[in-house]
């Protein structure tokens, strides 16, 4: 069963989403650096394959946790998540993208990110 969030429920979860997103952003940067350095120099100061796999596992753990809560992961570069909701009897997504401090946008489900509007 798909979860439908009220605005208050989604906003209550946002601080933990933002905290987890910081971990994804950090891991994303480390993954890019390790991968680039390994290809360019054969090694990275940040580690090798074990560290790469560990970072990938951490990102997957966070994304899976969001999905288990009913949060839809739309992207990780940038981090973009949607909370399925209803406004005025219409199916919408409460939308948050990395860098935003609050949950202040929504879009009709069928329109996606391009249809974002302020709440």
PDB file of N, CA and C in Angstrom:
ATOM      1  N   UNK A   1       0.837  -1.183   0.000  1.00  0.00           N
ATOM      2  CA  UNK A   1       0.000   0.000   0.000  1.00  0.00           C
ATOM      3  C   UNK A   1       0.884   1.249   0.000  1.00  0.00           C
ATOM      4  N   UNK A   2       0.569   2.166  -0.872  1.00  0.00           N
ATOM      5  CA  UNK A   2       1.336   3.398  -0.956  1.00  0.00           C
ATOM      6  C   UNK A   2       0.900   4.360   0.143  1.00  0.00           C
ATOM      7  N   UNK A   3       1.855   4.974   0.765  1.00  0.00           N
ATOM      8  CA  UNK A   3       1.562   5.917   1.851  1.00  0.00           C
ATOM      9  C   UNK A   3       1.202   7.277   1.273  1.00  0.00           C
ATOM     10  N   UNK A   4       0.221   7.903   1.880  1.00  0.00           N
ATOM     11  CA  UNK A   4      -0.157   9.266   1.551  1.00  0.00           C
ATOM     12  C   UNK A   4       0.168  10.114   2.782  1.00  0.00           C
ATOM     13  N   UNK A   5       0.994  11.126   2.598  1.00  0.00           N
ATOM     14  CA  UNK A   5       1.431  11.987   3.694  1.00  0.00           C
ATOM     15  C   UNK A   5       0.547  13.217   3.798  1.00  0.00           C
ATOM     16  N   UNK A   6       0.262  13.618   5.023  1.00  0.00           N
ATOM     17  CA  UNK A   6      -0.281  14.956   5.219  1.00  0.00           C
ATOM     18  C   UNK A   6       0.913  15.904   5.159  1.00  0.00           C
ATOM     19  N   UNK A   7       0.641  17.177   4.960  1.00  0.00           N
ATOM     20  CA  UNK A   7       1.724  18.154   4.954  1.00  0.00           C
ATOM     21  C   UNK A   7       2.462  18.146   6.287  1.00  0.00           C
ATOM     22  N   UNK A   8       1.725  18.056   7.388  1.00  0.00           N
ATOM     23  CA  UNK A   8       2.366  18.024   8.712  1.00  0.00           C
ATOM     24  C   UNK A   8       3.253  16.795   8.884  1.00  0.00           C
ATOM     25  N   UNK A   9       2.797  15.634   8.404  1.00  0.00           N
ATOM     26  CA  UNK A   9       3.614  14.410   8.512  1.00  0.00           C
ATOM     27  C   UNK A   9       4.907  14.545   7.715  1.00  0.00           C
ATOM     28  N   UNK A  10       4.793  15.055   6.500  1.00  0.00           N
ATOM     29  CA  UNK A  10       5.981  15.221   5.659  1.00  0.00           C
ATOM     30  C   UNK A  10       6.944  16.221   6.277  1.00  0.00           C
ATOM     31  N   UNK A  11       6.408  17.315   6.762  1.00  0.00           N
ATOM     32  CA  UNK A  11       7.273  18.329   7.392  1.00  0.00           C
ATOM     33  C   UNK A  11       7.932  17.792   8.661  1.00  0.00           C
ATOM     34  N   UNK A  12       7.253  16.927   9.391  1.00  0.00           N
ATOM     35  CA  UNK A  12       7.841  16.336  10.601  1.00  0.00           C
ATOM     36  C   UNK A  12       9.014  15.419  10.257  1.00  0.00           C
ATOM     37  N   UNK A  13       8.963  14.771   9.095  1.00  0.00           N
ATOM     38  CA  UNK A  13      10.044  13.884   8.669  1.00  0.00           C
ATOM     39  C   UNK A  13      11.215  14.633   8.035  1.00  0.00           C
ATOM     40  N   UNK A  14      10.981  15.847   7.593  1.00  0.00           N
ATOM     41  CA  UNK A  14      12.008  16.558   6.830  1.00  0.00           C
ATOM     42  C   UNK A  14      13.341  16.726   7.562  1.00  0.00           C
ATOM     43  N   UNK A  15      13.382  17.052   8.865  1.00  0.00           N
ATOM     44  CA  UNK A  15      14.697  17.172   9.509  1.00  0.00           C
ATOM     45  C   UNK A  15      15.541  15.904   9.390  1.00  0.00           C
ATOM     46  N   UNK A  16      14.939  14.731   9.530  1.00  0.00           N
ATOM     47  CA  UNK A  16      15.717  13.499   9.393  1.00  0.00           C
ATOM     48  C   UNK A  16      16.100  13.261   7.929  1.00  0.00           C
ATOM     49  N   UNK A  17      15.237  13.654   7.002  1.00  0.00           N
ATOM     50  CA  UNK A  17      15.572  13.539   5.575  1.00  0.00           C
ATOM     51  C   UNK A  17      16.761  14.434   5.254  1.00  0.00           C
ATOM     52  N   UNK A  18      16.746  15.653   5.763  1.00  0.00           N
ATOM     53  CA  UNK A  18      17.862  16.581   5.514  1.00  0.00           C
ATOM     54  C   UNK A  18      19.156  16.036   6.107  1.00  0.00           C
ATOM     55  N   UNK A  19      19.085  15.485   7.308  1.00  0.00           N
ATOM     56  CA  UNK A  19      20.283  14.902   7.934  1.00  0.00           C
ATOM     57  C   UNK A  19      20.819  13.735   7.099  1.00  0.00           C
ATOM     58  N   UNK A  20      19.921  12.849   6.678  1.00  0.00           N
ATOM     59  CA  UNK A  20      20.334  11.730   5.825  1.00  0.00           C
ATOM     60  C   UNK A  20      20.857  12.227   4.483  1.00  0.00           C
ATOM     61  N   UNK A  21      20.242  13.268   3.945  1.00  0.00           N
ATOM     62  CA  UNK A  21      20.684  13.817   2.658  1.00  0.00           C
ATOM     63  C   UNK A  21      22.118  14.332   2.765  1.00  0.00           C
ATOM     64  N   UNK A  22      22.470  14.915   3.902  1.00  0.00           N
ATOM     65  CA  UNK A  22      23.864  15.374   4.103  1.00  0.00           C
ATOM     66  C   UNK A  22      24.830  14.195   3.986  1.00  0.00           C
ATOM     67  N   UNK A  23      24.450  13.055   4.544  1.00  0.00           N
ATOM     68  CA  UNK A  23      25.295  11.859   4.454  1.00  0.00           C
ATOM     69  C   UNK A  23      25.387  11.378   3.011  1.00  0.00           C
ATOM     70  N   UNK A  24      24.281  11.428   2.282  1.00  0.00           N
ATOM     71  CA  UNK A  24      24.297  11.029   0.863  1.00  0.00           C
ATOM     72  C   UNK A  24      25.189  11.976   0.065  1.00  0.00           C
ATOM     73  N   UNK A  25      25.076  13.269   0.313  1.00  0.00           N
ATOM     74  CA  UNK A  25      25.875  14.264  -0.414  1.00  0.00           C
ATOM     75  C   UNK A  25      27.362  14.052  -0.146  1.00  0.00           C
ATOM     76  N   UNK A  26      27.721  13.808   1.111  1.00  0.00           N
ATOM     77  CA  UNK A  26      29.114  13.558   1.466  1.00  0.00           C
ATOM     78  C   UNK A  26      29.626  12.284   0.796  1.00  0.00           C
ATOM     79  N   UNK A  27      28.828  11.221   0.877  1.00  0.00           N
ATOM     80  CA  UNK A  27      29.220   9.956   0.254  1.00  0.00           C
ATOM     81  C   UNK A  27      29.322  10.107  -1.259  1.00  0.00           C
ATOM     82  N   UNK A  28      28.404  10.857  -1.846  1.00  0.00           N
ATOM     83  CA  UNK A  28      28.410  11.088  -3.296  1.00  0.00           C
ATOM     84  C   UNK A  28      29.716  11.759  -3.722  1.00  0.00           C
ATOM     85  N   UNK A  29      30.155  12.757  -2.954  1.00  0.00           N
ATOM     86  CA  UNK A  29      31.404  13.448  -3.266  1.00  0.00           C
ATOM     87  C   UNK A  29      32.606  12.517  -3.104  1.00  0.00           C
ATOM     88  N   UNK A  30      32.614  11.744  -2.019  1.00  0.00           N
ATOM     89  CA  UNK A  30      33.714  10.801  -1.805  1.00  0.00           C
ATOM     90  C   UNK A  30      33.751   9.736  -2.894  1.00  0.00           C
ATOM     91  N   UNK A  31      32.592   9.239  -3.286  1.00  0.00           N
ATOM     92  CA  UNK A  31      32.530   8.235  -4.358  1.00  0.00           C
ATOM     93  C   UNK A  31      33.100   8.787  -5.654  1.00  0.00           C
ATOM     94  N   UNK A  32      32.735  10.013  -5.984  1.00  0.00           N
ATOM     95  CA  UNK A  32      33.243  10.630  -7.215  1.00  0.00           C
ATOM     96  C   UNK A  32      34.757  10.798  -7.154  1.00  0.00           C
ATOM     97  N   UNK A  33      35.252  11.236  -6.001  1.00  0.00           N
ATOM     98  CA  UNK A  33      36.692  11.461  -5.857  1.00  0.00           C
ATOM     99  C   UNK A  33      37.472  10.151  -5.900  1.00  0.00           C
ATOM    100  N   UNK A  34      37.003   9.155  -5.176  1.00  0.00           N
ATOM    101  CA  UNK A  34      37.690   7.859  -5.187  1.00  0.00           C
ATOM    102  C   UNK A  34      37.707   7.286  -6.595  1.00  0.00           C
ATOM    103  N   UNK A  35      36.568   7.310  -7.261  1.00  0.00           N
ATOM    104  CA  UNK A  35      36.485   6.768  -8.614  1.00  0.00           C
ATOM    105  C   UNK A  35      37.412   7.508  -9.572  1.00  0.00           C
ATOM    106  N   UNK A  36      37.386   8.830  -9.540  1.00  0.00           N
ATOM    107  CA  UNK A  36      38.240   9.614 -10.430  1.00  0.00           C
ATOM    108  C   UNK A  36      39.716   9.351 -10.152  1.00  0.00           C
ATOM    109  N   UNK A  37      40.109   9.437  -8.880  1.00  0.00           N
ATOM    110  CA  UNK A  37      41.522   9.243  -8.528  1.00  0.00           C
ATOM    111  C   UNK A  37      42.014   7.841  -8.887  1.00  0.00           C
ATOM    112  N   UNK A  38      41.169   6.839  -8.671  1.00  0.00           N
ATOM    113  CA  UNK A  38      41.574   5.464  -9.005  1.00  0.00           C
ATOM    114  C   UNK A  38      41.797   5.315 -10.505  1.00  0.00           C
ATOM    115  N   UNK A  39      40.949   5.973 -11.303  1.00  0.00           N
ATOM    116  CA  UNK A  39      41.125   5.881 -12.758  1.00  0.00           C
ATOM    117  C   UNK A  39      42.303   6.731 -13.235  1.00  0.00           C
ATOM    118  N   UNK A  40      42.482   7.905 -12.636  1.00  0.00           N
ATOM    119  CA  UNK A  40      43.526   8.823 -13.087  1.00  0.00           C
ATOM    120  C   UNK A  40      44.910   8.470 -12.541  1.00  0.00           C
ATOM    121  N   UNK A  41      44.963   8.052 -11.265  1.00  0.00           N
ATOM    122  CA  UNK A  41      46.257   7.818 -10.613  1.00  0.00           C
ATOM    123  C   UNK A  41      46.452   6.392 -10.145  1.00  0.00           C
ATOM    124  N   UNK A  42      45.417   5.576 -10.262  1.00  0.00           N
ATOM    125  CA  UNK A  42      45.524   4.198  -9.814  1.00  0.00           C
ATOM    126  C   UNK A  42      45.221   4.005  -8.335  1.00  0.00           C
ATOM    127  N   UNK A  43      45.052   5.100  -7.603  1.00  0.00           N
ATOM    128  CA  UNK A  43      44.736   5.018  -6.184  1.00  0.00           C
ATOM    129  C   UNK A  43      44.144   6.343  -5.718  1.00  0.00           C
ATOM    130  N   UNK A  44      43.527   6.303  -4.529  1.00  0.00           N
ATOM    131  CA  UNK A  44      42.928   7.509  -3.960  1.00  0.00           C
ATOM    132  C   UNK A  44      43.309   7.621  -2.496  1.00  0.00           C
ATOM    133  N   UNK A  45      43.510   8.840  -2.065  1.00  0.00           N
ATOM    134  CA  UNK A  45      43.787   9.097  -0.640  1.00  0.00           C
ATOM    135  C   UNK A  45      42.592   8.710   0.232  1.00  0.00           C
ATOM    136  N   UNK A  46      41.405   8.664  -0.363  1.00  0.00           N
ATOM    137  CA  UNK A  46      40.198   8.332   0.395  1.00  0.00           C
ATOM    138  C   UNK A  46      39.957   6.835   0.522  1.00  0.00           C
ATOM    139  N   UNK A  47      40.768   6.051  -0.171  1.00  0.00           N
ATOM    140  CA  UNK A  47      40.632   4.608  -0.052  1.00  0.00           C
ATOM    141  C   UNK A  47      40.503   3.920  -1.389  1.00  0.00           C
ATOM    142  N   UNK A  48      40.197   2.649  -1.303  1.00  0.00           N
ATOM    143  CA  UNK A  48      40.089   1.820  -2.494  1.00  0.00           C
ATOM    144  C   UNK A  48      38.720   1.192  -2.610  1.00  0.00           C
ATOM    145  N   UNK A  49      38.720   0.002  -3.167  1.00  0.00           N
ATOM    146  CA  UNK A  49      37.462  -0.696  -3.416  1.00  0.00           C
ATOM    147  C   UNK A  49      36.640  -0.929  -2.149  1.00  0.00           C
ATOM    148  N   UNK A  50      37.245  -1.319  -1.014  1.00  0.00           N
ATOM    149  CA  UNK A  50      36.430  -1.512   0.200  1.00  0.00           C
ATOM    150  C   UNK A  50      35.706  -0.231   0.632  1.00  0.00           C
ATOM    151  N   UNK A  51      36.396   0.897   0.563  1.00  0.00           N
ATOM    152  CA  UNK A  51      35.776   2.170   0.940  1.00  0.00           C
ATOM    153  C   UNK A  51      34.685   2.562  -0.058  1.00  0.00           C
ATOM    154  N   UNK A  52      34.960   2.319  -1.332  1.00  0.00           N
ATOM    155  CA  UNK A  52      33.973   2.586  -2.385  1.00  0.00           C
ATOM    156  C   UNK A  52      32.701   1.780  -2.142  1.00  0.00           C
ATOM    157  N   UNK A  53      32.865   0.499  -1.883  1.00  0.00           N
ATOM    158  CA  UNK A  53      31.712  -0.379  -1.627  1.00  0.00           C
ATOM    159  C   UNK A  53      30.988   0.017  -0.336  1.00  0.00           C
ATOM    160  N   UNK A  54      31.732   0.412   0.677  1.00  0.00           N
ATOM    161  CA  UNK A  54      31.119   0.844   1.925  1.00  0.00           C
ATOM    162  C   UNK A  54      30.270   2.096   1.739  1.00  0.00           C
ATOM    163  N   UNK A  55      30.776   3.061   0.961  1.00  0.00           N
ATOM    164  CA  UNK A  55      30.016   4.276   0.683  1.00  0.00           C
ATOM    165  C   UNK A  55      28.764   3.970  -0.130  1.00  0.00           C
ATOM    166  N   UNK A  56      28.908   3.097  -1.115  1.00  0.00           N
ATOM    167  CA  UNK A  56      27.748   2.712  -1.924  1.00  0.00           C
ATOM    168  C   UNK A  56      26.683   2.049  -1.050  1.00  0.00           C
ATOM    169  N   UNK A  57      27.121   1.194  -0.141  1.00  0.00           N
ATOM    170  CA  UNK A  57      26.185   0.513   0.753  1.00  0.00           C
ATOM    171  C   UNK A  57      25.478   1.511   1.666  1.00  0.00           C
ATOM    172  N   UNK A  58      26.199   2.507   2.147  1.00  0.00           N
ATOM    173  CA  UNK A  58      25.590   3.526   3.017  1.00  0.00           C
ATOM    174  C   UNK A  58      24.525   4.321   2.263  1.00  0.00           C
ATOM    175  N   UNK A  59      24.829   4.714   1.043  1.00  0.00           N
ATOM    176  CA  UNK A  59      23.850   5.452   0.235  1.00  0.00           C
ATOM    177  C   UNK A  59      22.615   4.582   0.007  1.00  0.00           C
ATOM    178  N   UNK A  60      22.818   3.327  -0.359  1.00  0.00           N
ATOM    179  CA  UNK A  60      21.684   2.419  -0.594  1.00  0.00           C
ATOM    180  C   UNK A  60      20.849   2.227   0.673  1.00  0.00           C
ATOM    181  N   UNK A  61      21.512   2.158   1.824  1.00  0.00           N
ATOM    182  CA  UNK A  61      20.806   2.009   3.093  1.00  0.00           C
ATOM    183  C   UNK A  61      19.882   3.213   3.341  1.00  0.00           C
ATOM    184  N   UNK A  62      20.383   4.408   3.097  1.00  0.00           N
ATOM    185  CA  UNK A  62      19.586   5.618   3.297  1.00  0.00           C
ATOM    186  C   UNK A  62      18.412   5.652   2.321  1.00  0.00           C
ATOM    187  N   UNK A  63      18.690   5.389   1.041  1.00  0.00           N
ATOM    188  CA  UNK A  63      17.635   5.426   0.033  1.00  0.00           C
ATOM    189  C   UNK A  63      16.564   4.376   0.315  1.00  0.00           C
ATOM    190  N   UNK A  64      16.982   3.198   0.729  1.00  0.00           N
ATOM    191  CA  UNK A  64      16.026   2.139   1.077  1.00  0.00           C
ATOM    192  C   UNK A  64      15.180   2.540   2.275  1.00  0.00           C
ATOM    193  N   UNK A  65      15.803   3.180   3.257  1.00  0.00           N
ATOM    194  CA  UNK A  65      15.067   3.653   4.428  1.00  0.00           C
ATOM    195  C   UNK A  65      13.996   4.660   4.056  1.00  0.00           C
ATOM    196  N   UNK A  66      14.342   5.555   3.151  1.00  0.00           N
ATOM    197  CA  UNK A  66      13.335   6.518   2.687  1.00  0.00           C
ATOM    198  C   UNK A  66      12.195   5.796   1.985  1.00  0.00           C
ATOM    199  N   UNK A  67      12.535   4.885   1.094  1.00  0.00           N
ATOM    200  CA  UNK A  67      11.509   4.148   0.351  1.00  0.00           C
ATOM    201  C   UNK A  67      10.598   3.370   1.294  1.00  0.00           C
ATOM    202  N   UNK A  68      11.175   2.762   2.319  1.00  0.00           N
ATOM    203  CA  UNK A  68      10.382   2.005   3.292  1.00  0.00           C
ATOM    204  C   UNK A  68       9.392   2.900   4.038  1.00  0.00           C
ATOM    205  N   UNK A  69       9.717   4.174   4.176  1.00  0.00           N
ATOM    206  CA  UNK A  69       8.822   5.127   4.835  1.00  0.00           C
ATOM    207  C   UNK A  69       7.756   5.669   3.883  1.00  0.00           C
ATOM    208  N   UNK A  70       7.860   5.328   2.599  1.00  0.00           N
ATOM    209  CA  UNK A  70       6.907   5.819   1.610  1.00  0.00           C
ATOM    210  C   UNK A  70       7.377   7.055   0.877  1.00  0.00           C
ATOM    211  N   UNK A  71       8.600   7.491   1.164  1.00  0.00           N
ATOM    212  CA  UNK A  71       9.178   8.654   0.488  1.00  0.00           C
ATOM    213  C   UNK A  71       9.726   8.193  -0.860  1.00  0.00           C
ATOM    214  N   UNK A  72       9.401   8.932  -1.915  1.00  0.00           N
ATOM    215  CA  UNK A  72       9.866   8.579  -3.251  1.00  0.00           C
ATOM    216  C   UNK A  72      11.184   9.283  -3.543  1.00  0.00           C
ATOM    217  N   UNK A  73      12.208   8.512  -3.878  1.00  0.00           N
ATOM    218  CA  UNK A  73      13.518   9.061  -4.217  1.00  0.00           C
ATOM    219  C   UNK A  73      13.535   9.314  -5.719  1.00  0.00           C
ATOM    220  N   UNK A  74      13.717  10.574  -6.100  1.00  0.00           N
ATOM    221  CA  UNK A  74      13.712  10.951  -7.514  1.00  0.00           C
ATOM    222  C   UNK A  74      15.111  11.167  -8.062  1.00  0.00           C
ATOM    223  N   UNK A  75      16.077  11.395  -7.179  1.00  0.00           N
ATOM    224  CA  UNK A  75      17.445  11.593  -7.640  1.00  0.00           C
ATOM    225  C   UNK A  75      18.392  11.755  -6.470  1.00  0.00           C
ATOM    226  N   UNK A  76      19.687  11.543  -6.748  1.00  0.00           N
ATOM    227  CA  UNK A  76      20.689  11.747  -5.694  1.00  0.00           C
ATOM    228  C   UNK A  76      21.724  12.792  -6.082  1.00  0.00           C
ATOM    229  N   UNK A  77      21.669  13.311  -7.287  1.00  0.00           N
ATOM    230  CA  UNK A  77      22.605  14.356  -7.701  1.00  0.00           C
ATOM    231  C   UNK A  77      21.856  15.368  -8.569  1.00  0.00           C
ATOM    232  N   UNK A  78      21.121  16.252  -7.965  1.00  0.00           N
ATOM    233  CA  UNK A  78      20.976  16.516  -6.538  1.00  0.00           C
ATOM    234  C   UNK A  78      19.991  15.555  -5.874  1.00  0.00           C
ATOM    235  N   UNK A  79      20.045  15.528  -4.531  1.00  0.00           N
ATOM    236  CA  UNK A  79      19.078  14.732  -3.777  1.00  0.00           C
ATOM    237  C   UNK A  79      17.706  15.379  -3.969  1.00  0.00           C
ATOM    238  N   UNK A  80      16.761  14.560  -4.428  1.00  0.00           N
ATOM    239  CA  UNK A  80      15.407  15.034  -4.698  1.00  0.00           C
ATOM    240  C   UNK A  80      14.438  13.959  -4.243  1.00  0.00           C
ATOM    241  N   UNK A  81      13.527  14.330  -3.331  1.00  0.00           N
ATOM    242  CA  UNK A  81      12.542  13.377  -2.827  1.00  0.00           C
ATOM    243  C   UNK A  81      11.146  13.976  -2.904  1.00  0.00           C
ATOM    244  N   UNK A  82      10.184  13.088  -3.051  1.00  0.00           N
ATOM    245  CA  UNK A  82       8.773  13.466  -3.061  1.00  0.00           C
ATOM    246  C   UNK A  82       8.032  12.693  -1.980  1.00  0.00           C
ATOM    247  N   UNK A  83       7.068  13.370  -1.368  1.00  0.00           N
ATOM    248  CA  UNK A  83       6.168  12.761  -0.412  1.00  0.00           C
ATOM    249  C   UNK A  83       4.792  12.702  -1.071  1.00  0.00           C
ATOM    250  N   UNK A  84       4.287  11.511  -1.409  1.00  0.00           N
ATOM    251  CA  UNK A  84       2.949  11.424  -2.000  1.00  0.00           C
ATOM    252  C   UNK A  84       1.916  12.050  -1.065  1.00  0.00           C
ATOM    253  N   UNK A  85       1.029  12.850  -1.629  1.00  0.00           N
ATOM    254  CA  UNK A  85       0.049  13.552  -0.819  1.00  0.00           C
ATOM    255  C   UNK A  85      -1.186  13.860  -1.653  1.00  0.00           C
ATOM    256  N   UNK A  86      -2.124  14.530  -1.038  1.00  0.00           N
ATOM    257  CA  UNK A  86      -3.320  15.013  -1.721  1.00  0.00           C
ATOM    258  C   UNK A  86      -3.575  16.446  -1.291  1.00  0.00           C
ATOM    259  N   UNK A  87      -3.881  17.286  -2.259  1.00  0.00           N
ATOM    260  CA  UNK A  87      -4.263  18.666  -1.978  1.00  0.00           C
ATOM    261  C   UNK A  87      -5.529  18.950  -2.773  1.00  0.00           C
ATOM    262  N   UNK A  88      -6.547  19.371  -2.089  1.00  0.00           N
ATOM    263  CA  UNK A  88      -7.799  19.677  -2.765  1.00  0.00           C
ATOM    264  C   UNK A  88      -8.360  18.508  -3.548  1.00  0.00           C
ATOM    265  N   UNK A  89      -8.182  17.292  -3.027  1.00  0.00           N
ATOM    266  CA  UNK A  89      -8.674  16.097  -3.697  1.00  0.00           C
ATOM    267  C   UNK A  89      -7.842  15.651  -4.886  1.00  0.00           C
ATOM    268  N   UNK A  90      -6.722  16.315  -5.128  1.00  0.00           N
ATOM    269  CA  UNK A  90      -5.852  16.010  -6.258  1.00  0.00           C
ATOM    270  C   UNK A  90      -4.580  15.303  -5.774  1.00  0.00           C
ATOM    271  N   UNK A  91      -4.129  14.293  -6.524  1.00  0.00           N
ATOM    272  CA  UNK A  91      -2.882  13.599  -6.221  1.00  0.00           C
ATOM    273  C   UNK A  91      -1.707  14.520  -6.521  1.00  0.00           C
ATOM    274  N   UNK A  92      -0.888  14.761  -5.487  1.00  0.00           N
ATOM    275  CA  UNK A  92       0.279  15.630  -5.641  1.00  0.00           C
ATOM    276  C   UNK A  92       1.487  14.985  -4.979  1.00  0.00           C
ATOM    277  N   UNK A  93       2.617  15.592  -5.201  1.00  0.00           N
ATOM    278  CA  UNK A  93       3.846  15.220  -4.522  1.00  0.00           C
ATOM    279  C   UNK A  93       4.378  16.459  -3.822  1.00  0.00           C
ATOM    280  N   UNK A  94       4.588  16.348  -2.503  1.00  0.00           N
ATOM    281  CA  UNK A  94       5.271  17.390  -1.757  1.00  0.00           C
ATOM    282  C   UNK A  94       6.746  17.186  -2.049  1.00  0.00           C
ATOM    283  N   UNK A  95       7.389  18.205  -2.552  1.00  0.00           N
ATOM    284  CA  UNK A  95       8.691  18.049  -3.207  1.00  0.00           C
ATOM    285  C   UNK A  95       9.790  18.786  -2.441  1.00  0.00           C
ATOM    286  N   UNK A  96      10.910  18.090  -2.199  1.00  0.00           N
ATOM    287  CA  UNK A  96      12.072  18.701  -1.548  1.00  0.00           C
ATOM    288  C   UNK A  96      13.319  18.348  -2.344  1.00  0.00           C
ATOM    289  N   UNK A  97      14.173  19.360  -2.555  1.00  0.00           N
ATOM    290  CA  UNK A  97      15.448  19.159  -3.248  1.00  0.00           C
ATOM    291  C   UNK A  97      16.572  19.691  -2.366  1.00  0.00           C
ATOM    292  N   UNK A  98      17.716  19.045  -2.443  1.00  0.00           N
ATOM    293  CA  UNK A  98      18.832  19.446  -1.579  1.00  0.00           C
ATOM    294  C   UNK A  98      19.079  20.942  -1.678  1.00  0.00           C
ATOM    295  N   UNK A  99      19.379  21.511  -0.525  1.00  0.00           N
ATOM    296  CA  UNK A  99      19.633  22.943  -0.438  1.00  0.00           C
ATOM    297  C   UNK A  99      18.450  23.719   0.116  1.00  0.00           C
ATOM    298  N   UNK A 100      17.250  23.141   0.013  1.00  0.00           N
ATOM    299  CA  UNK A 100      16.080  23.813   0.569  1.00  0.00           C
ATOM    300  C   UNK A 100      16.031  23.577   2.070  1.00  0.00           C
ATOM    301  N   UNK A 101      15.572  24.563   2.802  1.00  0.00           N
ATOM    302  CA  UNK A 101      15.542  24.481   4.264  1.00  0.00           C
ATOM    303  C   UNK A 101      14.222  23.969   4.800  1.00  0.00           C
ATOM    304  N   UNK A 102      13.198  24.003   3.952  1.00  0.00           N
ATOM    305  CA  UNK A 102      11.886  23.559   4.397  1.00  0.00           C
ATOM    306  C   UNK A 102      11.136  22.911   3.242  1.00  0.00           C
ATOM    307  N   UNK A 103      10.051  22.279   3.582  1.00  0.00           N
ATOM    308  CA  UNK A 103       9.191  21.656   2.578  1.00  0.00           C
ATOM    309  C   UNK A 103       8.167  22.709   2.175  1.00  0.00           C
ATOM    310  N   UNK A 104       8.391  23.340   1.034  1.00  0.00           N
ATOM    311  CA  UNK A 104       7.584  24.487   0.644  1.00  0.00           C
ATOM    312  C   UNK A 104       7.043  24.393  -0.776  1.00  0.00           C
ATOM    313  N   UNK A 105       7.205  23.220  -1.430  1.00  0.00           N
ATOM    314  CA  UNK A 105       6.806  23.074  -2.825  1.00  0.00           C
ATOM    315  C   UNK A 105       6.013  21.796  -3.031  1.00  0.00           C
ATOM    316  N   UNK A 106       5.197  21.798  -4.053  1.00  0.00           N
ATOM    317  CA  UNK A 106       4.463  20.606  -4.472  1.00  0.00           C
ATOM    318  C   UNK A 106       4.323  20.636  -5.986  1.00  0.00           C
ATOM    319  N   UNK A 107       3.960  19.496  -6.536  1.00  0.00           N
ATOM    320  CA  UNK A 107       3.595  19.441  -7.951  1.00  0.00           C
ATOM    321  C   UNK A 107       2.547  18.363  -8.129  1.00  0.00           C
ATOM    322  N   UNK A 108       1.704  18.536  -9.130  1.00  0.00           N
ATOM    323  CA  UNK A 108       0.753  17.490  -9.451  1.00  0.00           C
ATOM    324  C   UNK A 108       1.550  16.247  -9.819  1.00  0.00           C
ATOM    325  N   UNK A 109       1.049  15.106  -9.408  1.00  0.00           N
ATOM    326  CA  UNK A 109       1.759  13.840  -9.607  1.00  0.00           C
ATOM    327  C   UNK A 109       2.162  13.642 -11.053  1.00  0.00           C
ATOM    328  N   UNK A 110       1.261  13.910 -11.975  1.00  0.00           N
ATOM    329  CA  UNK A 110       1.538  13.634 -13.389  1.00  0.00           C
ATOM    330  C   UNK A 110       2.451  14.672 -14.046  1.00  0.00           C
ATOM    331  N   UNK A 111       2.720  15.786 -13.382  1.00  0.00           N
ATOM    332  CA  UNK A 111       3.541  16.832 -13.985  1.00  0.00           C
ATOM    333  C   UNK A 111       5.013  16.729 -13.612  1.00  0.00           C
ATOM    334  N   UNK A 112       5.323  16.182 -12.467  1.00  0.00           N
ATOM    335  CA  UNK A 112       6.707  16.081 -12.052  1.00  0.00           C
ATOM    336  C   UNK A 112       7.310  17.430 -11.682  1.00  0.00           C
ATOM    337  N   UNK A 113       8.623  17.433 -11.551  1.00  0.00           N
ATOM    338  CA  UNK A 113       9.373  18.588 -11.055  1.00  0.00           C
ATOM    339  C   UNK A 113       9.084  19.879 -11.818  1.00  0.00           C
ATOM    340  N   UNK A 114       8.902  19.782 -13.120  1.00  0.00           N
ATOM    341  CA  UNK A 114       8.655  20.977 -13.935  1.00  0.00           C
ATOM    342  C   UNK A 114       7.375  21.688 -13.538  1.00  0.00           C
ATOM    343  N   UNK A 115       6.462  20.983 -12.886  1.00  0.00           N
ATOM    344  CA  UNK A 115       5.202  21.579 -12.460  1.00  0.00           C
ATOM    345  C   UNK A 115       5.207  22.084 -11.027  1.00  0.00           C
ATOM    346  N   UNK A 116       6.402  22.254 -10.436  1.00  0.00           N
ATOM    347  CA  UNK A 116       6.488  22.690  -9.027  1.00  0.00           C
ATOM    348  C   UNK A 116       5.824  24.033  -8.798  1.00  0.00           C
ATOM    349  N   UNK A 117       5.122  24.095  -7.676  1.00  0.00           N
ATOM    350  CA  UNK A 117       4.473  25.334  -7.246  1.00  0.00           C
ATOM    351  C   UNK A 117       4.701  25.491  -5.741  1.00  0.00           C
ATOM    352  N   UNK A 118       4.737  26.733  -5.267  1.00  0.00           N
ATOM    353  CA  UNK A 118       4.863  26.924  -3.816  1.00  0.00           C
ATOM    354  C   UNK A 118       3.604  26.470  -3.090  1.00  0.00           C
ATOM    355  N   UNK A 119       3.773  25.913  -1.912  1.00  0.00           N
ATOM    356  CA  UNK A 119       2.623  25.512  -1.092  1.00  0.00           C
ATOM    357  C   UNK A 119       1.897  26.736  -0.562  1.00  0.00           C
TER     358      UNK A 119
END
